[in-house]
Each structure stands twice: as structure tokens, then as C-alpha cells.
PDB file of N, CA and C in Angstrom:
ATOM      1  N   UNK A   1       0.752  -0.876  -0.107  1.00  0.00           N
ATOM      2  CA  UNK A   1      -0.196  -0.062  -0.472  1.00  0.00           C
ATOM      3  C   UNK A   1       0.552   0.979  -0.118  1.00  0.00           C
ATOM      4  N   UNK A   2       2.593   1.263   0.235  1.00  0.00           N
ATOM      5  CA  UNK A   2       2.973   2.208   0.372  1.00  0.00           C
ATOM      6  C   UNK A   2       3.311   2.411  -1.046  1.00  0.00           C
ATOM      7  N   UNK A   3       3.945   1.716  -1.994  1.00  0.00           N
ATOM      8  CA  UNK A   3       3.545   2.443  -3.234  1.00  0.00           C
ATOM      9  C   UNK A   3       2.023   3.550  -4.041  1.00  0.00           C
ATOM     10  N   UNK A   4       1.087   2.197  -3.480  1.00  0.00           N
ATOM     11  CA  UNK A   4      -0.498   4.007  -3.592  1.00  0.00           C
ATOM     12  C   UNK A   4       0.166   4.877  -3.064  1.00  0.00           C
ATOM     13  N   UNK A   5       0.382   5.107  -1.925  1.00  0.00           N
ATOM     14  CA  UNK A   5       0.963   6.441  -1.082  1.00  0.00           C
ATOM     15  C   UNK A   5       2.109   8.125  -2.088  1.00  0.00           C
ATOM     16  N   UNK A   6       2.395   6.316  -2.380  1.00  0.00           N
ATOM     17  CA  UNK A   6       4.200   7.425  -2.978  1.00  0.00           C
ATOM     18  C   UNK A   6       3.935   8.017  -4.484  1.00  0.00           C
ATOM     19  N   UNK A   7       2.452   7.445  -5.155  1.00  0.00           N
ATOM     20  CA  UNK A   7       1.691   7.699  -6.167  1.00  0.00           C
ATOM     21  C   UNK A   7       1.002   8.901  -6.569  1.00  0.00           C
ATOM     22  N   UNK A   8       1.068   8.979  -4.853  1.00  0.00           N
ATOM     23  CA  UNK A   8       0.205  10.077  -5.132  1.00  0.00           C
ATOM     24  C   UNK A   8       0.968  11.142  -4.306  1.00  0.00           C
ATOM     25  N   UNK A   9       1.765  11.711  -4.327  1.00  0.00           N
ATOM     26  CA  UNK A   9       2.441  12.919  -3.359  1.00  0.00           C
ATOM     27  C   UNK A   9       1.918  14.204  -3.465  1.00  0.00           C
ATOM     28  N   UNK A  10       1.068  14.287  -4.274  1.00  0.00           N
ATOM     29  CA  UNK A  10      -0.228  15.707  -3.405  1.00  0.00           C
ATOM     30  C   UNK A  10      -0.967  15.040  -1.904  1.00  0.00           C
ATOM     31  N   UNK A  11      -1.228  14.133  -2.291  1.00  0.00           N
ATOM     32  CA  UNK A  11      -1.903  13.002  -1.547  1.00  0.00           C
ATOM     33  C   UNK A  11      -1.434  13.666   0.272  1.00  0.00           C
ATOM     34  N   UNK A  12       0.055  13.167  -0.066  1.00  0.00           N
ATOM     35  CA  UNK A  12       0.514  12.925   1.212  1.00  0.00           C
ATOM     36  C   UNK A  12       0.706  14.292   2.004  1.00  0.00           C
ATOM     37  N   UNK A  13       1.353  15.141   0.749  1.00  0.00           N
ATOM     38  CA  UNK A  13       1.476  16.233   0.952  1.00  0.00           C
ATOM     39  C   UNK A  13       0.256  17.428   1.842  1.00  0.00           C
ATOM     40  N   UNK A  14      -1.126  16.987   1.119  1.00  0.00           N
ATOM     41  CA  UNK A  14      -2.314  17.516   2.104  1.00  0.00           C
ATOM     42  C   UNK A  14      -1.841  17.212   2.919  1.00  0.00           C
ATOM     43  N   UNK A  15      -1.643  15.128   3.240  1.00  0.00           N
ATOM     44  CA  UNK A  15      -2.258  15.023   4.771  1.00  0.00           C
ATOM     45  C   UNK A  15      -1.199  15.238   6.206  1.00  0.00           C
ATOM     46  N   UNK A  16       0.271  15.373   5.358  1.00  0.00           N
ATOM     47  CA  UNK A  16       1.470  16.005   6.126  1.00  0.00           C
ATOM     48  C   UNK A  16       2.144  18.090   4.825  1.00  0.00           C
ATOM     49  N   UNK A  17       1.254  18.887   5.517  1.00  0.00           N
ATOM     50  CA  UNK A  17       1.692  19.906   5.855  1.00  0.00           C
ATOM     51  C   UNK A  17       2.968  19.934   4.938  1.00  0.00           C
ATOM     52  N   UNK A  18       4.600  20.002   6.173  1.00  0.00           N
ATOM     53  CA  UNK A  18       5.361  19.993   6.322  1.00  0.00           C
ATOM     54  C   UNK A  18       6.358  18.805   5.263  1.00  0.00           C
ATOM     55  N   UNK A  19       5.652  18.065   4.595  1.00  0.00           N
ATOM     56  CA  UNK A  19       6.236  17.114   3.003  1.00  0.00           C
ATOM     57  C   UNK A  19       5.841  18.219   2.129  1.00  0.00           C
ATOM     58  N   UNK A  20       7.542  18.745   1.470  1.00  0.00           N
ATOM     59  CA  UNK A  20       7.045  19.534  -0.169  1.00  0.00           C
ATOM     60  C   UNK A  20       7.836  18.302  -0.936  1.00  0.00           C
ATOM     61  N   UNK A  21       6.270  17.696  -1.969  1.00  0.00           N
ATOM     62  CA  UNK A  21       5.853  16.812  -2.713  1.00  0.00           C
ATOM     63  C   UNK A  21       6.715  17.066  -3.902  1.00  0.00           C
ATOM     64  N   UNK A  22       7.132  18.828  -4.259  1.00  0.00           N
ATOM     65  CA  UNK A  22       8.210  18.919  -4.651  1.00  0.00           C
ATOM     66  C   UNK A  22       9.620  18.006  -4.721  1.00  0.00           C
ATOM     67  N   UNK A  23       9.738  18.100  -3.775  1.00  0.00           N
ATOM     68  CA  UNK A  23      11.296  17.643  -3.711  1.00  0.00           C
ATOM     69  C   UNK A  23      11.582  15.896  -3.852  1.00  0.00           C
ATOM     70  N   UNK A  24      10.327  15.057  -4.576  1.00  0.00           N
ATOM     71  CA  UNK A  24      10.427  13.352  -4.308  1.00  0.00           C
ATOM     72  C   UNK A  24      10.360  13.867  -5.638  1.00  0.00           C
ATOM     73  N   UNK A  25       8.988  14.368  -6.136  1.00  0.00           N
ATOM     74  CA  UNK A  25       7.793  13.861  -7.240  1.00  0.00           C
ATOM     75  C   UNK A  25       8.864  13.512  -8.836  1.00  0.00           C
ATOM     76  N   UNK A  26       9.735  13.708  -8.787  1.00  0.00           N
ATOM     77  CA  UNK A  26      10.393  13.875  -9.463  1.00  0.00           C
ATOM     78  C   UNK A  26      12.430  12.482  -9.729  1.00  0.00           C
ATOM     79  N   UNK A  27      12.239  12.798  -8.612  1.00  0.00           N
ATOM     80  CA  UNK A  27      13.190  11.807  -8.618  1.00  0.00           C
ATOM     81  C   UNK A  27      12.830  10.500  -9.768  1.00  0.00           C
ATOM     82  N   UNK A  28      14.685   9.454  -9.482  1.00  0.00           N
ATOM     83  CA  UNK A  28      13.704   8.048 -10.398  1.00  0.00           C
ATOM     84  C   UNK A  28      13.028   7.234  -9.560  1.00  0.00           C
ATOM     85  N   UNK A  29      13.727   6.988  -7.847  1.00  0.00           N
ATOM     86  CA  UNK A  29      13.104   6.716  -7.059  1.00  0.00           C
ATOM     87  C   UNK A  29      11.504   6.627  -6.418  1.00  0.00           C
ATOM     88  N   UNK A  30      11.696   7.420  -6.822  1.00  0.00           N
ATOM     89  CA  UNK A  30       9.698   7.825  -6.952  1.00  0.00           C
ATOM     90  C   UNK A  30       8.764   7.432  -8.355  1.00  0.00           C
ATOM     91  N   UNK A  31       9.383   7.895  -9.552  1.00  0.00           N
ATOM     92  CA  UNK A  31       9.327   8.131 -10.638  1.00  0.00           C
ATOM     93  C   UNK A  31       8.073   6.474 -10.829  1.00  0.00           C
ATOM     94  N   UNK A  32       8.555   5.825 -10.190  1.00  0.00           N
ATOM     95  CA  UNK A  32       7.180   4.291 -10.455  1.00  0.00           C
ATOM     96  C   UNK A  32       7.707   4.079  -8.552  1.00  0.00           C
ATOM     97  N   UNK A  33       7.043   3.988  -8.338  1.00  0.00           N
ATOM     98  CA  UNK A  33       6.535   3.221  -6.731  1.00  0.00           C
ATOM     99  C   UNK A  33       6.211   2.078  -6.484  1.00  0.00           C
ATOM    100  N   UNK A  34       5.844   1.581  -7.591  1.00  0.00           N
ATOM    101  CA  UNK A  34       5.942  -0.138  -7.489  1.00  0.00           C
ATOM    102  C   UNK A  34       6.797  -0.622  -8.250  1.00  0.00           C
ATOM    103  N   UNK A  35       8.117  -0.117  -8.197  1.00  0.00           N
ATOM    104  CA  UNK A  35       9.533  -0.191  -8.237  1.00  0.00           C
ATOM    105  C   UNK A  35      10.554  -0.466  -7.229  1.00  0.00           C
ATOM    106  N   UNK A  36      10.392   0.438  -6.153  1.00  0.00           N
ATOM    107  CA  UNK A  36      11.755   0.552  -5.048  1.00  0.00           C
ATOM    108  C   UNK A  36      10.493  -0.040  -3.633  1.00  0.00           C
ATOM    109  N   UNK A  37      11.633  -0.470  -2.628  1.00  0.00           N
ATOM    110  CA  UNK A  37      11.009  -0.155  -1.582  1.00  0.00           C
ATOM    111  C   UNK A  37      10.425   0.640  -0.824  1.00  0.00           C
ATOM    112  N   UNK A  38       8.863   0.593  -1.455  1.00  0.00           N
ATOM    113  CA  UNK A  38       8.195   2.156  -1.342  1.00  0.00           C
ATOM    114  C   UNK A  38       7.759   2.001   0.488  1.00  0.00           C
ATOM    115  N   UNK A  39       8.003   0.859   1.993  1.00  0.00           N
ATOM    116  CA  UNK A  39       7.500   0.726   3.135  1.00  0.00           C
ATOM    117  C   UNK A  39       9.186   2.383   3.231  1.00  0.00           C
ATOM    118  N   UNK A  40      10.366   1.342   3.465  1.00  0.00           N
ATOM    119  CA  UNK A  40      11.528   2.548   3.392  1.00  0.00           C
ATOM    120  C   UNK A  40      11.203   3.360   2.450  1.00  0.00           C
ATOM    121  N   UNK A  41      11.149   3.549   1.549  1.00  0.00           N
ATOM    122  CA  UNK A  41      11.292   4.861   1.427  1.00  0.00           C
ATOM    123  C   UNK A  41      10.307   6.258   1.726  1.00  0.00           C
ATOM    124  N   UNK A  42       9.273   5.879   1.955  1.00  0.00           N
ATOM    125  CA  UNK A  42       7.836   6.378   2.543  1.00  0.00           C
ATOM    126  C   UNK A  42       8.515   6.817   4.138  1.00  0.00           C
ATOM    127  N   UNK A  43       9.104   5.876   4.840  1.00  0.00           N
ATOM    128  CA  UNK A  43       9.364   6.361   6.379  1.00  0.00           C
ATOM    129  C   UNK A  43      10.897   7.210   6.182  1.00  0.00           C
ATOM    130  N   UNK A  44      11.495   7.250   5.230  1.00  0.00           N
ATOM    131  CA  UNK A  44      12.815   8.098   5.537  1.00  0.00           C
ATOM    132  C   UNK A  44      12.217   9.301   5.041  1.00  0.00           C
ATOM    133  N   UNK A  45      10.993   9.780   4.273  1.00  0.00           N
ATOM    134  CA  UNK A  45      10.727  11.293   4.124  1.00  0.00           C
ATOM    135  C   UNK A  45       9.412  11.339   4.965  1.00  0.00           C
ATOM    136  N   UNK A  46       8.883  10.673   6.326  1.00  0.00           N
ATOM    137  CA  UNK A  46       8.293  10.339   6.521  1.00  0.00           C
ATOM    138  C   UNK A  46       8.123  10.049   8.270  1.00  0.00           C
ATOM    139  N   UNK A  47       9.270  10.265   9.089  1.00  0.00           N
ATOM    140  CA  UNK A  47       9.761   9.935   9.733  1.00  0.00           C
ATOM    141  C   UNK A  47       8.333   9.347  10.716  1.00  0.00           C
ATOM    142  N   UNK A  48       7.622   9.867  10.967  1.00  0.00           N
ATOM    143  CA  UNK A  48       6.765   9.513  12.016  1.00  0.00           C
ATOM    144  C   UNK A  48       5.694   8.997  11.175  1.00  0.00           C
ATOM    145  N   UNK A  49       5.519   8.698  10.589  1.00  0.00           N
ATOM    146  CA  UNK A  49       4.582   7.148   9.096  1.00  0.00           C
ATOM    147  C   UNK A  49       4.169   6.672  10.333  1.00  0.00           C
ATOM    148  N   UNK A  50       2.630   6.809  10.853  1.00  0.00           N
ATOM    149  CA  UNK A  50       1.635   5.416  11.323  1.00  0.00           C
ATOM    150  C   UNK A  50       1.395   4.902  10.607  1.00  0.00           C
ATOM    151  N   UNK A  51       1.346   2.930  10.799  1.00  0.00           N
ATOM    152  CA  UNK A  51       0.776   2.399   8.630  1.00  0.00           C
ATOM    153  C   UNK A  51      -0.466   2.784   9.019  1.00  0.00           C
ATOM    154  N   UNK A  52      -1.277   2.456  10.186  1.00  0.00           N
ATOM    155  CA  UNK A  52      -3.197   3.302   9.987  1.00  0.00           C
ATOM    156  C   UNK A  52      -3.082   4.032   9.797  1.00  0.00           C
ATOM    157  N   UNK A  53      -2.841   5.395  11.419  1.00  0.00           N
ATOM    158  CA  UNK A  53      -2.616   6.653  10.998  1.00  0.00           C
ATOM    159  C   UNK A  53      -2.429   7.396   9.620  1.00  0.00           C
ATOM    160  N   UNK A  54      -1.489   6.893   9.138  1.00  0.00           N
ATOM    161  CA  UNK A  54      -1.232   7.771   8.447  1.00  0.00           C
ATOM    162  C   UNK A  54      -2.100   6.995   6.656  1.00  0.00           C
ATOM    163  N   UNK A  55      -2.535   6.213   6.734  1.00  0.00           N
ATOM    164  CA  UNK A  55      -3.354   5.236   6.269  1.00  0.00           C
ATOM    165  C   UNK A  55      -4.458   6.231   5.747  1.00  0.00           C
ATOM    166  N   UNK A  56      -4.540   6.780   6.724  1.00  0.00           N
ATOM    167  CA  UNK A  56      -6.809   7.106   7.554  1.00  0.00           C
ATOM    168  C   UNK A  56      -6.187   7.941   6.691  1.00  0.00           C
ATOM    169  N   UNK A  57      -4.821   9.282   7.394  1.00  0.00           N
ATOM    170  CA  UNK A  57      -4.794  10.598   7.304  1.00  0.00           C
ATOM    171  C   UNK A  57      -4.306  10.858   5.483  1.00  0.00           C
ATOM    172  N   UNK A  58      -4.017   9.659   4.659  1.00  0.00           N
ATOM    173  CA  UNK A  58      -4.087  10.193   3.015  1.00  0.00           C
ATOM    174  C   UNK A  58      -4.443   9.717   2.090  1.00  0.00           C
ATOM    175  N   UNK A  59      -5.362   8.612   2.485  1.00  0.00           N
ATOM    176  CA  UNK A  59      -6.270   7.627   2.080  1.00  0.00           C
ATOM    177  C   UNK A  59      -7.369   9.081   1.491  1.00  0.00           C
ATOM    178  N   UNK A  60      -7.477   9.604   2.151  1.00  0.00           N
ATOM    179  CA  UNK A  60      -9.119  10.167   1.606  1.00  0.00           C
ATOM    180  C   UNK A  60      -8.556  11.804   0.427  1.00  0.00           C
ATOM    181  N   UNK A  61      -7.768  11.990   0.218  1.00  0.00           N
ATOM    182  CA  UNK A  61      -6.822  13.819  -0.114  1.00  0.00           C
ATOM    183  C   UNK A  61      -6.164  12.875  -1.593  1.00  0.00           C
ATOM    184  N   UNK A  62      -6.418  11.111  -2.019  1.00  0.00           N
ATOM    185  CA  UNK A  62      -5.397  10.708  -3.380  1.00  0.00           C
ATOM    186  C   UNK A  62      -6.385  11.301  -4.317  1.00  0.00           C
ATOM    187  N   UNK A  63      -5.690  10.537  -5.263  1.00  0.00           N
ATOM    188  CA  UNK A  63      -6.367  11.262  -6.457  1.00  0.00           C
ATOM    189  C   UNK A  63      -6.620   9.685  -7.129  1.00  0.00           C
ATOM    190  N   UNK A  64      -7.509   9.460  -7.756  1.00  0.00           N
ATOM    191  CA  UNK A  64      -7.141   8.059  -7.930  1.00  0.00           C
ATOM    192  C   UNK A  64      -7.092   8.279  -9.656  1.00  0.00           C
ATOM    193  N   UNK A  65      -7.802   8.856 -10.568  1.00  0.00           N
ATOM    194  CA  UNK A  65      -7.527   9.133 -11.712  1.00  0.00           C
ATOM    195  C   UNK A  65      -6.228   9.541 -11.795  1.00  0.00           C
ATOM    196  N   UNK A  66      -5.559   9.988 -11.425  1.00  0.00           N
ATOM    197  CA  UNK A  66      -3.693  10.628 -11.262  1.00  0.00           C
ATOM    198  C   UNK A  66      -3.203  10.035 -10.419  1.00  0.00           C
ATOM    199  N   UNK A  67      -3.127   9.023  -9.989  1.00  0.00           N
ATOM    200  CA  UNK A  67      -2.049   7.741  -9.349  1.00  0.00           C
ATOM    201  C   UNK A  67      -1.050   7.853  -9.967  1.00  0.00           C
ATOM    202  N   UNK A  68       0.652   7.367  -9.889  1.00  0.00           N
ATOM    203  CA  UNK A  68       1.794   7.133 -10.721  1.00  0.00           C
ATOM    204  C   UNK A  68       1.522   5.026 -10.335  1.00  0.00           C
ATOM    205  N   UNK A  69       0.698   4.977  -9.649  1.00  0.00           N
ATOM    206  CA  UNK A  69       1.433   3.087  -8.863  1.00  0.00           C
ATOM    207  C   UNK A  69       0.340   3.037 -10.200  1.00  0.00           C
ATOM    208  N   UNK A  70       1.495   1.623 -10.239  1.00  0.00           N
ATOM    209  CA  UNK A  70       0.670   0.663 -11.388  1.00  0.00           C
ATOM    210  C   UNK A  70      -0.213   0.064 -10.595  1.00  0.00           C
ATOM    211  N   UNK A  71       0.204  -0.664  -9.830  1.00  0.00           N
ATOM    212  CA  UNK A  71      -1.100  -1.332  -9.076  1.00  0.00           C
ATOM    213  C   UNK A  71      -2.018  -1.087  -8.446  1.00  0.00           C
ATOM    214  N   UNK A  72      -2.028   0.369  -7.599  1.00  0.00           N
ATOM    215  CA  UNK A  72      -3.568   1.435  -7.873  1.00  0.00           C
ATOM    216  C   UNK A  72      -4.038   1.398  -9.210  1.00  0.00           C
ATOM    217  N   UNK A  73      -3.479   1.549 -10.067  1.00  0.00           N
ATOM    218  CA  UNK A  73      -4.979   1.746 -11.455  1.00  0.00           C
ATOM    219  C   UNK A  73      -5.223   0.408 -11.764  1.00  0.00           C
ATOM    220  N   UNK A  74      -4.272  -1.186 -11.828  1.00  0.00           N
ATOM    221  CA  UNK A  74      -4.703  -2.029 -12.072  1.00  0.00           C
ATOM    222  C   UNK A  74      -5.800  -2.540 -10.870  1.00  0.00           C
ATOM    223  N   UNK A  75      -5.568  -2.651  -9.213  1.00  0.00           N
ATOM    224  CA  UNK A  75      -6.418  -3.184  -8.249  1.00  0.00           C
ATOM    225  C   UNK A  75      -8.178  -1.610  -8.769  1.00  0.00           C
ATOM    226  N   UNK A  76      -7.807  -0.073  -9.694  1.00  0.00           N
ATOM    227  CA  UNK A  76      -9.125   0.759  -9.059  1.00  0.00           C
ATOM    228  C   UNK A  76      -9.712  -0.341 -10.573  1.00  0.00           C
ATOM    229  N   UNK A  77      -8.834   0.060 -11.888  1.00  0.00           N
ATOM    230  CA  UNK A  77      -9.813  -0.875 -13.058  1.00  0.00           C
ATOM    231  C   UNK A  77      -9.946  -2.434 -12.965  1.00  0.00           C
ATOM    232  N   UNK A  78      -9.627  -3.339 -11.999  1.00  0.00           N
ATOM    233  CA  UNK A  78     -10.168  -3.722 -11.499  1.00  0.00           C
ATOM    234  C   UNK A  78     -11.537  -4.271 -10.123  1.00  0.00           C
ATOM    235  N   UNK A  79     -11.335  -2.942 -10.273  1.00  0.00           N
ATOM    236  CA  UNK A  79     -12.991  -3.162  -9.136  1.00  0.00           C
ATOM    237  C   UNK A  79     -13.972  -2.083 -10.296  1.00  0.00           C
ATOM    238  N   UNK A  80     -13.746  -0.954 -10.526  1.00  0.00           N
ATOM    239  CA  UNK A  80     -14.577  -1.243 -12.120  1.00  0.00           C
ATOM    240  C   UNK A  80     -15.810  -1.636 -13.136  1.00  0.00           C
ATOM    241  N   UNK A  81     -14.112  -2.923 -13.445  1.00  0.00           N
ATOM    242  CA  UNK A  81     -14.395  -3.882 -13.846  1.00  0.00           C
ATOM    243  C   UNK A  81     -16.035  -4.970 -12.690  1.00  0.00           C
ATOM    244  N   UNK A  82     -15.417  -5.194 -11.824  1.00  0.00           N
ATOM    245  CA  UNK A  82     -15.849  -5.672 -10.183  1.00  0.00           C
ATOM    246  C   UNK A  82     -17.498  -5.434 -10.281  1.00  0.00           C
ATOM    247  N   UNK A  83     -17.712  -4.028 -10.238  1.00  0.00           N
ATOM    248  CA  UNK A  83     -18.946  -3.132 -10.100  1.00  0.00           C
ATOM    249  C   UNK A  83     -19.794  -3.178 -11.659  1.00  0.00           C
ATOM    250  N   UNK A  84     -19.282  -2.944 -12.082  1.00  0.00           N
ATOM    251  CA  UNK A  84     -19.388  -3.130 -14.154  1.00  0.00           C
ATOM    252  C   UNK A  84     -20.229  -4.609 -14.287  1.00  0.00           C
ATOM    253  N   UNK A  85     -19.832  -5.033 -14.043  1.00  0.00           N
ATOM    254  CA  UNK A  85     -20.290  -6.657 -14.104  1.00  0.00           C
ATOM    255  C   UNK A  85     -21.057  -6.644 -13.558  1.00  0.00           C
ATOM    256  N   UNK A  86     -21.459  -6.231 -11.618  1.00  0.00           N
ATOM    257  CA  UNK A  86     -22.138  -6.842 -10.598  1.00  0.00           C
ATOM    258  C   UNK A  86     -23.520  -5.616 -10.373  1.00  0.00           C
ATOM    259  N   UNK A  87     -23.311  -4.733 -11.473  1.00  0.00           N
ATOM    260  CA  UNK A  87     -24.292  -3.457 -10.434  1.00  0.00           C
ATOM    261  C   UNK A  87     -25.260  -3.900 -12.177  1.00  0.00           C
ATOM    262  N   UNK A  88     -24.973  -4.594 -13.420  1.00  0.00           N
ATOM    263  CA  UNK A  88     -26.365  -4.379 -14.676  1.00  0.00           C
ATOM    264  C   UNK A  88     -27.449  -4.798 -13.924  1.00  0.00           C
TER     265      UNK A  88
END
């Protein structure tokens, strides 16, 4: 899940106003958040990270259409397909 948060640096910044997304957004490590050790990288940039608390803080700010995480996009696409099939 941490790669999902790194896929939307703006959501992290909205949840943690002292975090500056522009410092990290274009770094090679974060261009494809699914290819890094996201949990470790997130702990480096947010030392006070708490697994549940941070999830609750970041998730409401996430933009599902702009998230750079491939695994997040696959999850959203799968969820949309599931809902299409089951809501017919």
C-alpha cells in the first residue's frame, strides 16, 4: 500500500503539510513507486509514519485518476470491472 501513497505525492503533502512533494516527485526512486521499497522510502521522507494513522490521513486526499502507482491503477480498473459486471 505504501507504493500507492508514493504514487500520489500531492495527497501525502495534503495529509502532511510540512512534507514538500516537489522535492521528491521527479526523483528516479519515486517515478515508479511500485519498483522501490516503498515502505522504507516512505519512512525516510515521513519519519513519524504510522501504518494505520498515515493510511487514514493520506487516503482521503488521493486522486484515483492521477496516481502513478501501476498496482493502484490495476486495483481501480479491476474494481471498476467488478462493479460494472455486478451492477448490470
